[in-house]
């Protein structure tokens, strides 16, 4: 143990323990590294557990974990990141046979099929995909440990946010500006996409949080949601629209105007339900989930759309107006953060979430 710890300290260029006549204790950074290492090992255990039959003892699981080695781990990660054995072997500069040898060793160790052939290449089975996903999350614990002790890899993103289509961008930008103000060495990556796309990336560990409308509850048990502010859907039109000038609007008045329909997702479900509930038969010439197109077409025509209130009020959509006289009937909708239940934020990530909550409270007030 002493030799291995000395080697690790040399690799990191930092003291993890203090040795004295009364024993050896962890330094402050050593405690941080130890906590993350423990979480890493837990996730490796979860990876192994995903392959084992129910009822396998903890002792048996731990014995299997201890038999895994770094070569096997690197092969699985390369296959995960590249998607198939041909690309992964190029990444590691080895033959496909050399890449797959440690993966076959794992298949034998766990008595489980991890990969399958596909057109001259090899890809993960469903079981292999889930196994690799847990290993990726395990590796991220070490990456977080290195960041927290000031030894993070160059170019590493310290916070990766998935932003949903109707998430209030100005609120996110304001929170990021404030969080980064006194953290010049921190870097943030923002990825936009649909909920379905971002949930996959969140569970795979390629993003840390999703900002936007919550699903309440999330679709997977390993995700949790933190609501920030209620954000209902509203019918919007351009300023100067005939309906905007009307003192009393009835639901049937909407039938005279074309709605821009989302192609899929919650807004589409809400709009479909609205049309059915209000017995509308609006013409529908345009279908789009791309928000800039929706906003542009509402601004330049008499078309209507269903958007979120915060998008109108928070993102400087000065040319759009909400038809407040006709509230859209739907389940309560909240904007917030979705994350993995097992996620442990770094200090910077936690600071960003605190700042975001404060910005939301200020805006709401």
Protein backbone atom coordinates (compact mmCIF):
# COMPACT_ATOMS: atom_id res chain seq x y z
CA UNK A 1 0.00 0.00 0.00
CA UNK A 2 2.79 2.43 0.87
CA UNK A 3 4.47 1.81 -2.49
CA UNK A 4 1.22 2.34 -4.41
CA UNK A 5 0.35 5.53 -2.55
CA UNK A 6 3.87 6.87 -3.12
CA UNK A 7 3.50 6.12 -6.81
CA UNK A 8 0.11 7.84 -6.95
CA UNK A 9 1.48 10.91 -5.17
CA UNK A 10 4.34 11.05 -7.65
CA UNK A 11 1.95 10.82 -10.59
CA UNK A 12 -0.28 13.57 -9.19
CA UNK A 13 2.53 15.74 -7.87
CA UNK A 14 0.66 16.23 -4.62
CA UNK A 15 0.70 14.84 -1.07
CA UNK A 16 -2.24 12.60 -0.28
CA UNK A 17 -1.14 11.42 3.18
CA UNK A 18 0.93 12.64 6.09
CA UNK A 19 3.06 10.02 7.82
CA UNK A 20 4.04 10.35 11.46
CA UNK A 21 5.09 8.31 14.44
CA UNK A 22 1.45 7.80 15.42
CA UNK A 23 0.31 6.65 11.99
CA UNK A 24 -0.69 7.88 8.57
CA UNK A 25 -3.59 10.25 7.90
CA UNK A 26 -5.08 11.77 4.77
CA UNK A 27 -4.32 15.35 3.83
CA UNK A 28 -7.21 17.63 2.80
CA UNK A 29 -6.72 16.83 -0.89
CA UNK A 30 -6.18 13.20 0.06
CA UNK A 31 -9.62 13.12 1.65
CA UNK A 32 -11.15 14.61 -1.51
CA UNK A 33 -9.38 12.07 -3.68
CA UNK A 34 -10.34 9.20 -1.35
CA UNK A 35 -14.03 10.14 -1.42
CA UNK A 36 -14.10 10.27 -5.21
CA UNK A 37 -12.12 7.02 -5.45
CA UNK A 38 -14.67 5.31 -3.23
CA UNK A 39 -17.48 6.56 -5.47
CA UNK A 40 -15.54 5.36 -8.52
CA UNK A 41 -15.28 1.87 -7.05
CA UNK A 42 -18.98 1.89 -6.19
CA UNK A 43 -19.84 2.63 -9.82
CA UNK A 44 -17.52 -0.11 -11.04
CA UNK A 45 -19.41 -2.37 -8.65
CA UNK A 46 -22.69 -1.19 -10.21
CA UNK A 47 -21.28 -2.00 -13.66
CA UNK A 48 -20.47 -5.53 -12.54
CA UNK A 49 -23.81 -5.88 -10.77
CA UNK A 50 -25.65 -5.01 -14.01
CA UNK A 51 -24.25 -8.25 -15.48
CA UNK A 52 -24.90 -10.54 -12.53
CA UNK A 53 -27.96 -12.54 -11.65
CA UNK A 54 -30.15 -11.37 -8.79
CA UNK A 55 -29.02 -12.72 -5.46
CA UNK A 56 -25.28 -12.59 -6.20
CA UNK A 57 -23.54 -11.89 -2.92
CA UNK A 58 -21.66 -8.66 -2.27
CA UNK A 59 -18.55 -10.72 -1.60
CA UNK A 60 -18.81 -12.40 -5.00
CA UNK A 61 -19.36 -9.04 -6.71
CA UNK A 62 -16.33 -7.53 -4.98
CA UNK A 63 -14.21 -10.51 -5.98
CA UNK A 64 -15.15 -9.94 -9.63
CA UNK A 65 -14.43 -6.22 -9.39
CA UNK A 66 -10.95 -6.92 -8.01
CA UNK A 67 -10.16 -9.15 -10.99
CA UNK A 68 -10.72 -6.38 -13.54
CA UNK A 69 -7.62 -4.60 -14.86
CA UNK A 70 -6.73 -1.35 -16.55
CA UNK A 71 -6.32 -2.87 -20.01
CA UNK A 72 -9.87 -4.21 -19.91
CA UNK A 73 -11.16 -0.87 -18.65
CA UNK A 74 -9.41 1.08 -21.44
CA UNK A 75 -10.71 -1.30 -24.11
CA UNK A 76 -14.31 -0.92 -22.92
CA UNK A 77 -14.01 2.88 -22.76
CA UNK A 78 -12.48 3.09 -26.24
CA UNK A 79 -15.27 0.94 -27.63
CA UNK A 80 -17.82 3.11 -25.83
CA UNK A 81 -16.49 6.45 -27.03
CA UNK A 82 -15.88 5.34 -30.63
CA UNK A 83 -18.96 3.17 -31.07
CA UNK A 84 -17.38 0.15 -32.76
CA UNK A 85 -14.24 -1.98 -32.64
CA UNK A 86 -12.72 -0.63 -35.87
CA UNK A 87 -12.76 3.00 -34.72
CA UNK A 88 -11.75 2.04 -31.17
CA UNK A 89 -8.73 0.05 -32.38
CA UNK A 90 -7.60 3.06 -34.41
CA UNK A 91 -7.95 5.26 -31.35
CA UNK A 92 -5.70 2.97 -29.29
CA UNK A 93 -3.45 2.21 -32.29
CA UNK A 94 -3.91 -1.56 -31.93
CA UNK A 95 -5.51 -4.27 -34.04
CA UNK A 96 -9.18 -5.14 -33.56
CA UNK A 97 -8.05 -8.51 -32.23
CA UNK A 98 -5.88 -6.85 -29.59
CA UNK A 99 -8.70 -4.48 -28.65
CA UNK A 100 -11.24 -7.27 -28.27
CA UNK A 101 -9.02 -9.68 -26.34
CA UNK A 102 -9.53 -7.95 -22.96
CA UNK A 103 -13.24 -7.54 -23.72
CA UNK A 104 -13.49 -11.31 -24.31
CA UNK A 105 -11.73 -11.82 -20.99
CA UNK A 106 -14.47 -9.80 -19.31
CA UNK A 107 -17.15 -11.84 -21.07
CA UNK A 108 -15.58 -15.00 -19.69
CA UNK A 109 -15.18 -13.48 -16.22
CA UNK A 110 -18.83 -12.41 -16.00
CA UNK A 111 -20.31 -15.19 -18.15
CA UNK A 112 -22.11 -12.49 -20.12
CA UNK A 113 -22.12 -11.41 -23.76
CA UNK A 114 -20.81 -7.85 -23.97
CA UNK A 115 -20.27 -7.41 -27.72
CA UNK A 116 -21.65 -8.72 -31.01
CA UNK A 117 -20.49 -8.60 -34.64
CA UNK A 118 -21.94 -6.12 -37.10
CA UNK A 119 -20.69 -5.84 -40.68
CA UNK A 120 -17.03 -6.63 -40.07
CA UNK A 121 -16.96 -4.66 -36.84
CA UNK A 122 -18.00 -5.34 -33.26
CA UNK A 123 -20.42 -3.28 -31.17
CA UNK A 124 -21.87 -3.54 -27.66
CA UNK A 125 -24.84 -5.70 -26.82
CA UNK A 126 -27.48 -4.10 -24.61
CA UNK A 127 -25.82 -5.65 -21.56
CA UNK A 128 -22.41 -4.46 -22.71
CA UNK A 129 -23.74 -0.95 -23.30
CA UNK A 130 -25.12 -0.73 -19.74
CA UNK A 131 -21.89 -2.17 -18.31
CA UNK A 132 -19.81 0.40 -20.21
CA UNK A 133 -22.11 3.25 -19.20
CA UNK A 134 -21.42 2.59 -15.52
CA UNK A 135 -17.68 2.40 -16.18
CA UNK A 136 -17.80 5.79 -17.92
CA UNK A 137 -19.51 7.29 -14.87
CA UNK A 138 -16.87 5.65 -12.66
CA UNK A 139 -14.10 7.31 -14.65
CA UNK A 140 -15.80 10.67 -14.29
CA UNK A 141 -15.43 10.44 -10.51
CA UNK A 142 -11.65 10.39 -10.94
CA UNK A 143 -11.86 13.27 -13.42
CA UNK A 144 -13.86 15.23 -10.82
CA UNK A 145 -11.32 14.32 -8.15
CA UNK A 146 -8.48 15.66 -10.28
CA UNK A 147 -10.42 18.87 -10.92
CA UNK A 148 -11.14 19.38 -7.22
CA UNK A 149 -7.48 18.99 -6.25
CA UNK A 150 -6.29 21.26 -9.05
CA UNK A 151 -4.96 18.55 -11.34
CA UNK A 152 -7.69 18.50 -13.99
CA UNK A 153 -6.87 17.60 -17.56
CA UNK A 154 -6.24 20.44 -20.01
CA UNK A 155 -9.35 21.24 -22.03
CA UNK A 156 -11.65 19.41 -19.65
CA UNK A 157 -15.12 20.93 -19.37
CA UNK A 158 -15.81 21.74 -15.73
CA UNK A 159 -19.58 21.93 -16.27
CA UNK A 160 -21.63 20.54 -19.16
CA UNK A 161 -25.21 21.74 -19.44
CA UNK A 162 -27.95 20.40 -21.67
CA UNK A 163 -30.39 23.20 -22.54
CA UNK A 164 -33.91 22.34 -23.66
CA UNK A 165 -35.60 24.19 -26.49
CA UNK A 166 -37.81 26.46 -24.36
CA UNK A 167 -35.40 26.92 -21.47
CA UNK A 168 -35.06 30.64 -20.60
CA UNK A 169 -31.68 31.45 -22.14
CA UNK A 170 -31.16 34.85 -20.53
CA UNK A 171 -31.57 33.36 -17.06
CA UNK A 172 -29.02 30.67 -17.89
CA UNK A 173 -26.63 33.25 -19.36
CA UNK A 174 -26.96 35.52 -16.34
CA UNK A 175 -26.25 32.65 -13.94
CA UNK A 176 -23.22 31.52 -15.95
CA UNK A 177 -21.80 35.04 -16.12
CA UNK A 178 -22.07 35.37 -12.36
CA UNK A 179 -20.70 31.89 -11.64
CA UNK A 180 -17.72 32.40 -13.96
CA UNK A 181 -16.96 35.93 -12.76
CA UNK A 182 -14.60 34.73 -10.04
CA UNK A 183 -13.69 31.40 -11.64
CA UNK A 184 -11.61 32.35 -14.72
CA UNK A 185 -10.08 28.87 -15.06
CA UNK A 186 -13.43 27.08 -15.22
CA UNK A 187 -14.96 26.17 -18.58
CA UNK A 188 -18.58 25.45 -19.44
CA UNK A 189 -20.09 23.61 -22.39
CA UNK A 190 -23.75 24.11 -23.37
CA UNK A 191 -25.47 21.54 -25.59
CA UNK A 192 -28.96 22.16 -26.97
CA UNK A 193 -31.37 19.42 -27.90
CA UNK A 194 -34.67 17.69 -27.28
CA UNK A 195 -35.45 16.15 -23.91
CA UNK A 196 -35.14 12.65 -25.33
CA UNK A 197 -31.68 13.38 -26.75
CA UNK A 198 -30.39 15.12 -23.64
CA UNK A 199 -31.63 12.44 -21.24
CA UNK A 200 -29.54 9.85 -23.08
CA UNK A 201 -26.49 12.11 -22.83
CA UNK A 202 -27.17 12.79 -19.16
CA UNK A 203 -27.39 9.11 -18.24
CA UNK A 204 -24.29 8.39 -20.32
CA UNK A 205 -22.33 11.05 -18.45
CA UNK A 206 -21.61 13.28 -21.44
CA UNK A 207 -23.50 16.16 -19.76
CA UNK A 208 -23.93 16.95 -16.06
CA UNK A 209 -27.38 18.56 -15.90
CA UNK A 210 -30.37 19.41 -18.07
CA UNK A 211 -31.84 22.90 -17.73
CA UNK A 212 -35.43 23.42 -18.78
CA UNK A 213 -38.91 21.99 -18.32
CA UNK A 214 -39.16 19.12 -15.85
CA UNK A 215 -41.11 15.95 -16.57
CA UNK A 216 -42.24 15.31 -12.96
CA UNK A 217 -41.37 12.52 -12.59
CA UNK A 218 -38.34 11.90 -14.81
CA UNK A 219 -38.54 8.85 -17.09
CA UNK A 220 -35.71 6.93 -15.35
CA UNK A 221 -35.26 6.00 -11.69
CA UNK A 222 -31.62 7.11 -11.73
CA UNK A 223 -32.57 10.74 -12.45
CA UNK A 224 -33.77 13.44 -10.07
CA UNK A 225 -35.35 16.84 -10.66
CA UNK A 226 -34.95 20.14 -8.81
CA UNK A 227 -37.77 22.61 -9.66
CA UNK A 228 -36.85 26.30 -9.80
CA UNK A 229 -39.92 28.17 -11.02
CA UNK A 230 -43.39 27.52 -12.42
CA UNK A 231 -43.47 28.20 -16.16
CA UNK A 232 -46.85 27.60 -17.84
CA UNK A 233 -47.51 27.31 -21.56
CA UNK A 234 -49.27 30.24 -23.23
CA UNK A 235 -50.67 31.08 -26.66
CA UNK A 236 -48.57 33.82 -28.26
CA UNK A 237 -48.95 36.11 -31.24
CA UNK A 238 -47.15 39.12 -32.65
CA UNK A 239 -47.74 42.55 -31.19
CA UNK A 240 -50.45 44.30 -33.19
CA UNK A 241 -52.15 40.97 -34.01
CA UNK A 242 -55.96 41.27 -34.35
CA UNK A 243 -56.41 39.02 -31.32
CA UNK A 244 -53.97 41.10 -29.27
CA UNK A 245 -56.12 44.14 -29.92
CA UNK A 246 -59.33 42.41 -28.93
CA UNK A 247 -60.70 43.16 -25.46
CA UNK A 248 -62.41 39.79 -25.08
CA UNK A 249 -61.02 36.65 -26.69
CA UNK A 250 -62.96 33.42 -26.90
CA UNK A 251 -61.49 30.04 -27.71
CA UNK A 252 -63.42 29.83 -30.96
CA UNK A 253 -61.67 33.02 -32.16
CA UNK A 254 -58.44 31.05 -32.50
CA UNK A 255 -59.89 28.89 -35.28
CA UNK A 256 -59.42 31.71 -37.76
CA UNK A 257 -55.65 31.59 -37.40
CA UNK A 258 -52.94 29.10 -38.30
CA UNK A 259 -51.01 27.49 -35.44
CA UNK A 260 -47.37 26.55 -35.84
CA UNK A 261 -47.38 22.94 -34.64
CA UNK A 262 -44.38 21.31 -32.98
CA UNK A 263 -43.40 18.07 -34.68
CA UNK A 264 -43.22 16.17 -31.36
CA UNK A 265 -42.74 16.55 -27.62
CA UNK A 266 -44.69 18.06 -24.74
CA UNK A 267 -45.71 21.22 -26.60
CA UNK A 268 -47.21 19.10 -29.37
CA UNK A 269 -49.18 17.07 -26.81
CA UNK A 270 -50.39 20.25 -25.11
CA UNK A 271 -51.42 21.88 -28.40
CA UNK A 272 -53.20 18.72 -29.60
CA UNK A 273 -55.12 18.61 -26.31
CA UNK A 274 -55.92 22.32 -26.57
CA UNK A 275 -57.31 21.94 -30.09
CA UNK A 276 -59.48 19.03 -28.98
CA UNK A 277 -60.67 20.69 -25.76
CA UNK A 278 -61.55 24.00 -27.40
CA UNK A 279 -63.01 22.22 -30.44
CA UNK A 280 -60.76 24.09 -32.84
CA UNK A 281 -59.97 23.17 -36.41
CA UNK A 282 -57.09 25.52 -37.20
CA UNK A 283 -55.24 25.28 -40.50
CA UNK A 284 -51.76 23.90 -39.92
CA UNK A 285 -49.33 24.64 -42.72
CA UNK A 286 -46.11 24.79 -40.69
CA UNK A 287 -44.63 22.13 -38.39
CA UNK A 288 -41.37 22.92 -36.64
CA UNK A 289 -39.54 22.24 -33.40
CA UNK A 290 -36.83 24.78 -34.24
CA UNK A 291 -37.56 27.70 -31.95
CA UNK A 292 -35.95 30.50 -34.04
CA UNK A 293 -38.19 29.52 -36.97
CA UNK A 294 -41.30 29.45 -34.78
CA UNK A 295 -40.56 32.86 -33.28
CA UNK A 296 -39.70 34.39 -36.66
CA UNK A 297 -42.91 33.15 -38.28
CA UNK A 298 -45.07 34.38 -35.40
CA UNK A 299 -43.38 37.81 -35.58
CA UNK A 300 -43.88 38.13 -39.33
CA UNK A 301 -47.46 36.84 -39.68
CA UNK A 302 -50.79 36.31 -37.96
CA UNK A 303 -49.83 32.76 -37.00
CA UNK A 304 -50.08 31.61 -33.38
CA UNK A 305 -47.85 29.34 -31.33
CA UNK A 306 -47.71 27.70 -27.92
CA UNK A 307 -44.58 28.75 -26.02
CA UNK A 308 -43.61 29.10 -22.38
CA UNK A 309 -44.26 32.27 -20.38
CA UNK A 310 -40.63 32.58 -19.32
CA UNK A 311 -39.53 32.47 -22.94
CA UNK A 312 -41.69 35.50 -23.64
CA UNK A 313 -40.86 37.39 -20.46
CA UNK A 314 -37.22 36.45 -19.94
CA UNK A 315 -35.71 36.16 -23.40
CA UNK A 316 -36.43 39.61 -24.81
CA UNK A 317 -39.19 38.50 -27.14
CA UNK A 318 -40.44 42.05 -27.33
CA UNK A 319 -42.26 41.45 -30.61
CA UNK A 320 -44.40 38.66 -29.13
CA UNK A 321 -47.41 38.95 -26.88
CA UNK A 322 -49.19 36.43 -24.69
CA UNK A 323 -52.95 35.98 -25.01
CA UNK A 324 -53.45 36.01 -21.26
CA UNK A 325 -57.20 35.99 -21.54
CA UNK A 326 -57.03 32.35 -22.67
CA UNK A 327 -54.85 30.32 -20.27
CA UNK A 328 -53.72 27.03 -21.77
CA UNK A 329 -55.07 24.03 -19.83
CA UNK A 330 -52.26 21.60 -19.00
CA UNK A 331 -50.49 19.92 -16.11
CA UNK A 332 -48.34 22.26 -13.98
CA UNK A 333 -45.04 22.94 -15.76
CA UNK A 334 -41.84 23.82 -13.93
CA UNK A 335 -38.41 24.88 -15.12
CA UNK A 336 -35.51 23.39 -13.21
CA UNK A 337 -32.50 21.10 -13.29
CA UNK A 338 -32.45 17.37 -14.01
CA UNK A 339 -29.40 15.39 -12.95
CA UNK A 340 -28.29 11.86 -12.17
CA UNK A 341 -29.40 10.80 -8.70
CA UNK A 342 -25.88 9.64 -7.87
CA UNK A 343 -24.19 12.82 -9.15
CA UNK A 344 -21.92 14.62 -6.68
CA UNK A 345 -21.30 18.17 -7.98
CA UNK A 346 -17.84 19.68 -7.74
CA UNK A 347 -17.62 22.96 -5.79
CA UNK A 348 -17.85 24.97 -9.01
CA UNK A 349 -20.86 22.98 -10.23
CA UNK A 350 -22.57 23.45 -6.87
CA UNK A 351 -21.79 27.18 -7.00
CA UNK A 352 -23.40 27.47 -10.43
CA UNK A 353 -26.58 25.76 -9.19
CA UNK A 354 -26.77 28.10 -6.19
CA UNK A 355 -26.29 31.13 -8.43
CA UNK A 356 -28.93 29.88 -10.89
CA UNK A 357 -31.43 29.45 -8.07
CA UNK A 358 -30.71 32.99 -6.88
CA UNK A 359 -31.14 34.43 -10.38
CA UNK A 360 -34.47 32.63 -10.73
CA UNK A 361 -35.67 33.97 -7.37
CA UNK A 362 -34.67 37.50 -8.36
CA UNK A 363 -36.40 37.26 -11.74
CA UNK A 364 -39.53 35.76 -10.22
CA UNK A 365 -39.70 38.53 -7.62
